[in-house]
Amino acid sequence: MKTNNPDQAQIKSNQPQHDEELVPVLIRYLSLTLISAAIISVLLILILLPILEGNPLISILFTFIPNLLAFIIMSRLIRKKLSYLKTLQKGSERVAAANFESYIPLQGNNELTDLANNINLIQDLYEAKSKAESLAKMENHHIITSVSNKIHAPLSGIIGYLERIQNPDEHDVSKKEAYLKIALKKAYQVINFIDDLFEHAFTDNGKGYYQFKVYNGKPLIHQLLSASTKALEEAGYEVIQENCIERDFSLWVDLEQLQRIFDYLTSNIIKYADPDKPIDFGLILNKNELCLILRNKTINNPAAVGKKIIDTEGSSLDSCRKIITRHQGRIDYYQLNQLFKVELTLPIHQ
């Protein structure tokens, strides 16, 4: 436990100024010593000279005694300062050895006091850094353990369901499709968890590891749509673009994250869209927002009738929703009969 803990507020208030500086103090000590020696010499001359007149020892006494007394006075006056210097030396050695058991006591209000105060402050900083490093190691261990547990469980489930699908004794196609659906959902859970982990690991206050910049909207959207169109055409789909954008505009976005949205949408189309039907991309620029509309016919549930809200929890569409929310936009998706529709909006940068 620390002892002699200085009052930090008092230290800070005293640090910028000195009631007395060290050099003037030492000069005052020396002046006092010389004056004392002169006084003693005068007294010896006035008192002892008449008594010891003619004695050969008188010259020795008059020389030796004042100097001896001056030395005694001077040594006593500076001994306290020398002792404090020794205390400072020991205190600095403790800090160098990472020993934080006690502070250096503050004496006086001069340069030595400031030196002691600075050593104490260095000790506080060093100790705080050591505690922070220890705490960081404990937190890292906790995070690694937590991440391992949260990833291990769904991955084990994915492996289990994939092994059931590969089981040669399992001939029920509906069961295999159910196993694949569950495995896919768990895989998306792992992806979302990793996204959240990176979001909090590389940012302050959970604001996201996004790197927002202002982009010229028209070439940016054209670039993203061109990449998605090329990927879909290579997969055998016909793509129709309805571009209603005439004026220039700007977007404040993270390009990498926005690219992820288009990659997710393209991947979903390839997995679920009817390859015999065209894919329709529509762009509308309103006063305050850009709207992207995606429409495609699905190959799932051919008997589906009416409007159906899509359950996207743990899916890539759920990841799209999180990303677009960070951009102060929104995304809606639903299925109407066999038509799957996605509406994505982004605010225009003013």
Protein backbone atom coordinates (compact mmCIF):
# COMPACT_ATOMS: atom_id res chain seq x y z
CA MET A 1 0.00 0.00 0.00
CA LYS A 2 1.25 3.49 -0.84
CA THR A 3 2.30 5.88 1.88
CA ASN A 4 2.89 9.60 1.94
CA ASN A 5 0.45 10.11 -0.90
CA PRO A 6 0.77 13.79 -1.84
CA ASP A 7 -2.22 15.98 -2.37
CA GLN A 8 -2.28 16.12 -6.17
CA ALA A 9 -4.33 19.32 -6.31
CA GLN A 10 -1.84 21.04 -4.02
CA ILE A 11 1.07 19.72 -6.08
CA LYS A 12 -0.37 21.05 -9.32
CA SER A 13 -1.07 24.45 -7.80
CA ASN A 14 2.49 24.68 -6.47
CA GLN A 15 4.31 23.32 -9.47
CA PRO A 16 4.38 26.35 -11.80
CA GLN A 17 5.86 28.76 -9.24
CA HIS A 18 8.33 28.72 -6.32
CA ASP A 19 8.29 30.52 -3.04
CA GLU A 20 12.06 30.11 -2.96
CA GLU A 21 14.53 28.90 -5.55
CA LEU A 22 17.35 26.55 -4.68
CA VAL A 23 20.30 28.66 -5.88
CA PRO A 24 19.28 31.80 -3.96
CA VAL A 25 18.77 29.67 -0.87
CA LEU A 26 22.29 28.25 -1.11
CA ILE A 27 23.69 31.75 -1.70
CA ARG A 28 21.84 32.95 1.37
CA TYR A 29 23.29 30.05 3.37
CA LEU A 30 26.79 30.93 2.17
CA SER A 31 26.30 34.62 2.95
CA LEU A 32 25.03 33.75 6.41
CA THR A 33 28.06 31.56 7.00
CA LEU A 34 30.54 34.26 5.89
CA ILE A 35 28.82 36.87 8.06
CA SER A 36 28.89 34.47 11.01
CA ALA A 37 32.60 33.84 10.45
CA ALA A 38 33.30 37.59 10.26
CA ILE A 39 31.36 38.17 13.50
CA ILE A 40 33.28 35.41 15.25
CA SER A 41 36.58 36.87 14.03
CA VAL A 42 35.64 40.31 15.36
CA LEU A 43 34.64 38.82 18.70
CA LEU A 44 37.90 36.91 18.95
CA ILE A 45 39.87 40.05 18.20
CA LEU A 46 37.98 42.14 20.69
CA ILE A 47 37.84 39.56 23.51
CA LEU A 48 40.80 37.22 23.18
CA LEU A 49 43.37 39.51 21.62
CA PRO A 50 44.00 41.49 24.84
CA ILE A 51 44.29 38.24 26.84
CA LEU A 52 46.51 36.34 24.42
CA GLU A 53 48.64 39.23 23.22
CA GLY A 54 52.09 37.99 22.31
CA ASN A 55 51.06 34.31 22.24
CA PRO A 56 52.14 32.58 18.97
CA LEU A 57 48.91 30.54 18.92
CA ILE A 58 46.79 33.63 18.48
CA SER A 59 47.26 33.76 14.68
CA ILE A 60 46.36 30.08 14.41
CA LEU A 61 43.27 30.50 16.54
CA PHE A 62 42.09 33.55 14.64
CA THR A 63 42.43 31.63 11.36
CA PHE A 64 41.22 28.17 12.37
CA ILE A 65 38.28 28.89 14.66
CA PRO A 66 36.24 31.12 12.28
CA ASN A 67 36.79 28.70 9.40
CA LEU A 68 35.82 25.73 11.57
CA LEU A 69 32.68 27.41 12.80
CA ALA A 70 31.81 28.51 9.24
CA PHE A 71 32.19 24.94 8.04
CA ILE A 72 29.97 23.61 10.86
CA ILE A 73 27.27 26.19 10.16
CA MET A 74 27.38 25.61 6.39
CA SER A 75 27.32 21.84 6.66
CA ARG A 76 24.32 21.93 9.01
CA LEU A 77 22.45 24.29 6.72
CA ILE A 78 22.95 22.24 3.54
CA ARG A 79 22.71 18.81 5.20
CA LYS A 80 18.92 18.90 4.91
CA LYS A 81 19.14 19.60 1.19
CA LEU A 82 21.68 16.83 0.66
CA SER A 83 19.48 14.43 2.60
CA TYR A 84 16.52 15.36 0.41
CA LEU A 85 18.64 14.76 -2.70
CA LYS A 86 19.37 11.28 -1.35
CA THR A 87 15.62 10.76 -0.90
CA LEU A 88 15.05 11.81 -4.51
CA GLN A 89 17.70 9.37 -5.69
CA LYS A 90 16.07 6.48 -3.82
CA GLY A 91 12.64 7.47 -5.13
CA SER A 92 13.84 7.52 -8.74
CA GLU A 93 15.47 4.13 -8.24
CA ARG A 94 12.15 2.73 -6.97
CA VAL A 95 10.33 4.03 -10.03
CA ALA A 96 13.01 2.59 -12.33
CA ALA A 97 12.52 -0.78 -10.62
CA ALA A 98 8.69 -0.51 -11.03
CA ASN A 99 8.26 -0.35 -7.27
CA PHE A 100 5.22 1.79 -6.49
CA GLU A 101 5.00 1.23 -2.75
CA SER A 102 5.35 4.88 -1.73
CA TYR A 103 5.64 8.42 -2.97
CA ILE A 104 8.51 10.82 -2.41
CA PRO A 105 7.49 13.28 0.33
CA LEU A 106 7.34 16.90 -0.76
CA GLN A 107 9.51 19.31 1.24
CA GLY A 108 9.77 23.03 0.71
CA ASN A 109 8.77 24.70 -2.52
CA ASN A 110 11.76 24.91 -4.86
CA GLU A 111 13.39 23.03 -7.73
CA LEU A 112 13.92 19.92 -5.61
CA THR A 113 10.24 19.95 -4.71
CA ASP A 114 9.33 20.09 -8.41
CA LEU A 115 11.72 17.24 -9.13
CA ALA A 116 10.09 15.13 -6.42
CA ASN A 117 6.65 16.02 -7.75
CA ASN A 118 7.63 15.05 -11.31
CA ILE A 119 8.98 11.71 -10.14
CA ASN A 120 5.70 11.08 -8.30
CA LEU A 121 3.73 11.96 -11.45
CA ILE A 122 5.90 9.64 -13.55
CA GLN A 123 5.24 6.94 -10.97
CA ASP A 124 1.48 7.51 -11.29
CA LEU A 125 1.63 7.34 -15.09
CA TYR A 126 3.84 4.24 -15.04
CA GLU A 127 1.58 2.53 -12.54
CA ALA A 128 -1.56 3.44 -14.51
CA LYS A 129 0.02 2.10 -17.68
CA SER A 130 0.99 -1.16 -15.96
CA LYS A 131 -2.54 -1.60 -14.60
CA ALA A 132 -4.04 -0.81 -18.02
CA GLU A 133 -1.80 -3.40 -19.68
CA SER A 134 -2.78 -6.02 -17.11
CA LEU A 135 -6.45 -5.18 -17.56
CA ALA A 136 -6.10 -5.31 -21.36
CA LYS A 137 -4.57 -8.80 -21.12
CA MET A 138 -7.47 -9.97 -18.98
CA GLU A 139 -10.00 -8.42 -21.36
CA ASN A 140 -8.28 -9.95 -24.39
CA HIS A 141 -8.38 -13.35 -22.73
CA HIS A 142 -12.08 -12.87 -21.98
CA ILE A 143 -12.81 -11.73 -25.55
CA ILE A 144 -10.92 -14.65 -27.09
CA THR A 145 -12.79 -17.10 -24.86
CA SER A 146 -16.14 -15.49 -25.67
CA VAL A 147 -15.44 -15.40 -29.41
CA SER A 148 -14.32 -19.02 -29.36
CA ASN A 149 -17.52 -20.11 -27.62
CA LYS A 150 -19.85 -18.06 -29.85
CA ILE A 151 -18.21 -19.25 -33.07
CA HIS A 152 -17.61 -22.84 -32.00
CA ALA A 153 -21.27 -23.58 -31.25
CA PRO A 154 -22.78 -22.59 -34.66
CA LEU A 155 -19.83 -24.04 -36.57
CA SER A 156 -20.30 -27.35 -34.78
CA GLY A 157 -23.96 -27.22 -35.75
CA ILE A 158 -23.09 -26.46 -39.39
CA ILE A 159 -20.67 -29.39 -39.50
CA GLY A 160 -23.28 -31.66 -37.94
CA TYR A 161 -25.97 -30.77 -40.48
CA LEU A 162 -23.55 -31.03 -43.42
CA GLU A 163 -22.51 -34.48 -42.22
CA ARG A 164 -26.19 -35.48 -42.13
CA ILE A 165 -26.59 -34.24 -45.71
CA GLN A 166 -23.58 -36.32 -46.77
CA ASN A 167 -24.84 -39.38 -44.93
CA PRO A 168 -25.42 -42.05 -47.63
CA ASP A 169 -28.17 -43.61 -45.50
CA GLU A 170 -30.22 -40.42 -45.57
CA HIS A 171 -32.49 -40.52 -48.63
CA ASP A 172 -35.16 -38.04 -47.58
CA VAL A 173 -34.60 -35.01 -49.84
CA SER A 174 -36.87 -32.77 -47.76
CA LYS A 175 -34.77 -33.48 -44.66
CA LYS A 176 -31.57 -32.70 -46.52
CA GLU A 177 -33.06 -29.40 -47.71
CA ALA A 178 -34.09 -28.59 -44.14
CA TYR A 179 -30.60 -29.45 -42.88
CA LEU A 180 -29.04 -27.23 -45.55
CA LYS A 181 -31.36 -24.34 -44.67
CA ILE A 182 -30.45 -24.57 -40.97
CA ALA A 183 -26.74 -24.84 -41.76
CA LEU A 184 -26.96 -21.77 -44.00
CA LYS A 185 -28.75 -19.79 -41.29
CA LYS A 186 -26.07 -20.71 -38.75
CA ALA A 187 -23.37 -19.70 -41.24
CA TYR A 188 -24.98 -16.26 -41.53
CA GLN A 189 -25.06 -16.06 -37.75
CA VAL A 190 -21.30 -16.55 -37.70
CA ILE A 191 -20.84 -13.86 -40.37
CA ASN A 192 -23.00 -11.38 -38.46
CA PHE A 193 -21.17 -12.10 -35.23
CA ILE A 194 -17.80 -11.51 -36.91
CA ASP A 195 -19.11 -8.26 -38.43
CA ASP A 196 -20.27 -7.06 -35.02
CA LEU A 197 -16.95 -8.10 -33.49
CA PHE A 198 -14.95 -6.06 -36.01
CA GLU A 199 -17.36 -3.16 -35.64
CA HIS A 200 -16.66 -2.87 -31.92
CA ALA A 201 -12.98 -3.83 -32.13
CA PHE A 202 -11.94 -1.11 -34.57
CA THR A 203 -14.16 1.74 -33.46
CA ASP A 204 -14.93 4.03 -30.58
CA ASN A 205 -18.30 3.89 -28.83
CA GLY A 206 -19.58 1.24 -31.23
CA LYS A 207 -19.95 3.72 -34.10
CA GLY A 208 -18.66 1.31 -36.69
CA TYR A 209 -15.42 0.69 -38.47
CA TYR A 210 -16.80 2.56 -41.46
CA GLN A 211 -14.65 5.03 -43.36
CA PHE A 212 -17.10 7.54 -44.76
CA LYS A 213 -16.15 9.78 -47.66
CA VAL A 214 -18.03 12.02 -50.06
CA TYR A 215 -18.32 10.54 -53.56
CA ASN A 216 -19.74 11.72 -56.84
CA GLY A 217 -22.94 9.70 -56.88
CA LYS A 218 -23.49 9.06 -60.60
CA PRO A 219 -20.15 7.35 -61.41
CA LEU A 220 -20.16 5.53 -58.08
CA ILE A 221 -23.58 3.94 -58.57
CA HIS A 222 -22.73 3.21 -62.21
CA GLN A 223 -19.57 1.41 -61.09
CA LEU A 224 -21.44 -0.72 -58.52
CA LEU A 225 -24.29 -1.57 -60.88
CA SER A 226 -21.87 -2.43 -63.69
CA ALA A 227 -20.03 -4.90 -61.43
CA SER A 228 -23.30 -6.54 -60.33
CA THR A 229 -24.62 -6.64 -63.90
CA LYS A 230 -21.45 -8.31 -65.16
CA ALA A 231 -21.62 -10.97 -62.41
CA LEU A 232 -25.29 -11.69 -63.15
CA GLU A 233 -24.78 -11.87 -66.91
CA GLU A 234 -21.90 -14.29 -66.39
CA ALA A 235 -24.30 -16.42 -64.32
CA GLY A 236 -26.75 -16.49 -67.26
CA TYR A 237 -29.20 -13.76 -66.20
CA GLU A 238 -30.59 -10.96 -68.33
CA VAL A 239 -30.31 -7.58 -66.60
CA ILE A 240 -32.46 -4.55 -67.34
CA GLN A 241 -31.52 -1.15 -65.95
CA GLU A 242 -34.01 1.68 -65.63
CA ASN A 243 -31.91 4.74 -64.86
CA CYS A 244 -33.94 7.85 -64.11
CA ILE A 245 -31.01 9.89 -62.80
CA GLU A 246 -30.34 13.06 -64.77
CA ARG A 247 -28.62 15.48 -62.38
CA ASP A 248 -25.38 15.16 -60.43
CA PHE A 249 -25.43 14.35 -56.75
CA SER A 250 -23.10 13.31 -53.93
CA LEU A 251 -23.18 10.44 -51.45
CA TRP A 252 -21.48 10.20 -48.06
CA VAL A 253 -20.74 6.48 -47.81
CA ASP A 254 -18.20 3.83 -46.99
CA LEU A 255 -17.44 2.42 -50.43
CA GLU A 256 -16.33 -0.98 -49.14
CA GLN A 257 -19.49 -1.43 -47.08
CA LEU A 258 -21.71 -0.25 -49.93
CA GLN A 259 -19.98 -2.75 -52.20
CA ARG A 260 -20.85 -5.48 -49.70
CA ILE A 261 -24.55 -4.64 -50.07
CA PHE A 262 -24.40 -5.05 -53.85
CA ASP A 263 -22.42 -8.27 -53.45
CA TYR A 264 -25.04 -9.64 -51.03
CA LEU A 265 -27.91 -8.70 -53.36
CA THR A 266 -26.15 -10.22 -56.37
CA SER A 267 -25.45 -13.42 -54.43
CA ASN A 268 -29.12 -13.70 -53.38
CA ILE A 269 -30.28 -13.24 -56.97
CA ILE A 270 -27.99 -16.00 -58.22
CA LYS A 271 -29.24 -18.36 -55.49
CA TYR A 272 -32.96 -17.65 -55.58
CA ALA A 273 -33.93 -15.85 -58.81
CA ASP A 274 -35.52 -17.57 -61.81
CA PRO A 275 -32.78 -17.64 -64.48
CA ASP A 276 -35.42 -17.53 -67.23
CA LYS A 277 -36.73 -14.17 -66.09
CA PRO A 278 -34.91 -10.82 -66.34
CA ILE A 279 -33.47 -8.98 -63.36
CA ASP A 280 -34.68 -5.38 -63.12
CA PHE A 281 -32.62 -2.59 -61.51
CA GLY A 282 -34.30 0.79 -61.17
CA LEU A 283 -32.72 4.05 -60.03
CA ILE A 284 -34.73 7.07 -58.87
CA LEU A 285 -33.21 10.30 -57.57
CA ASN A 286 -35.52 12.32 -55.33
CA LYS A 287 -34.79 15.65 -53.68
CA ASN A 288 -33.12 14.21 -50.60
CA GLU A 289 -32.44 10.55 -51.36
CA LEU A 290 -31.39 8.00 -53.92
CA CYS A 291 -33.66 5.01 -54.35
CA LEU A 292 -32.51 1.70 -55.83
CA ILE A 293 -35.25 -0.81 -56.68
CA LEU A 294 -34.43 -4.44 -57.42
CA ARG A 295 -37.02 -6.87 -58.82
CA ASN A 296 -36.70 -10.52 -59.79
CA LYS A 297 -38.87 -13.62 -60.05
CA THR A 298 -38.05 -16.37 -57.56
CA ILE A 299 -37.77 -20.09 -58.12
CA ASN A 300 -38.89 -20.93 -54.56
CA ASN A 301 -42.50 -21.52 -53.52
CA PRO A 302 -44.08 -21.44 -56.99
CA ALA A 303 -47.53 -21.63 -55.37
CA ALA A 304 -46.95 -18.49 -53.25
CA VAL A 305 -49.81 -16.03 -53.45
CA GLY A 306 -50.08 -12.50 -52.08
CA LYS A 307 -47.57 -10.27 -50.31
CA LYS A 308 -45.15 -11.97 -47.96
CA ILE A 309 -42.75 -10.34 -45.52
CA ILE A 310 -39.35 -12.00 -45.76
CA ASP A 311 -37.79 -13.30 -42.54
CA THR A 312 -34.17 -12.20 -42.95
CA GLU A 313 -32.85 -12.67 -39.43
CA GLY A 314 -29.31 -14.00 -39.60
CA SER A 315 -29.22 -13.73 -43.42
CA SER A 316 -27.25 -11.57 -45.83
CA LEU A 317 -30.27 -9.28 -46.18
CA ASP A 318 -30.09 -8.67 -42.44
CA SER A 319 -26.45 -7.67 -42.91
CA CYS A 320 -27.56 -5.27 -45.65
CA ARG A 321 -30.06 -3.71 -43.27
CA LYS A 322 -27.35 -3.12 -40.63
CA ILE A 323 -24.99 -1.55 -43.17
CA ILE A 324 -27.62 0.73 -44.70
CA THR A 325 -28.79 1.81 -41.25
CA ARG A 326 -25.24 3.00 -40.52
CA HIS A 327 -25.53 5.13 -43.63
CA GLN A 328 -28.74 6.75 -42.31
CA GLY A 329 -30.68 4.98 -45.04
CA ARG A 330 -33.20 2.17 -45.11
CA ILE A 331 -33.91 -1.06 -46.93
CA ASP A 332 -37.25 -2.84 -47.41
CA TYR A 333 -37.83 -6.22 -48.97
CA TYR A 334 -40.86 -8.41 -49.52
CA GLN A 335 -42.25 -10.99 -51.91
CA LEU A 336 -45.46 -10.41 -53.90
CA ASN A 337 -46.57 -13.68 -55.47
CA GLN A 338 -43.41 -14.77 -57.30
CA LEU A 339 -41.92 -11.27 -57.47
CA PHE A 340 -39.14 -10.49 -54.97
CA LYS A 341 -38.60 -6.78 -54.48
CA VAL A 342 -35.92 -4.80 -52.65
CA GLU A 343 -36.10 -1.03 -52.12
CA LEU A 344 -32.89 0.59 -50.90
CA THR A 345 -32.57 4.30 -50.13
CA LEU A 346 -29.56 6.45 -49.33
CA PRO A 347 -29.62 10.09 -48.23
CA ILE A 348 -28.14 12.64 -50.62
CA HIS A 349 -25.11 14.46 -49.20
CA GLN A 350 -25.88 18.17 -48.99
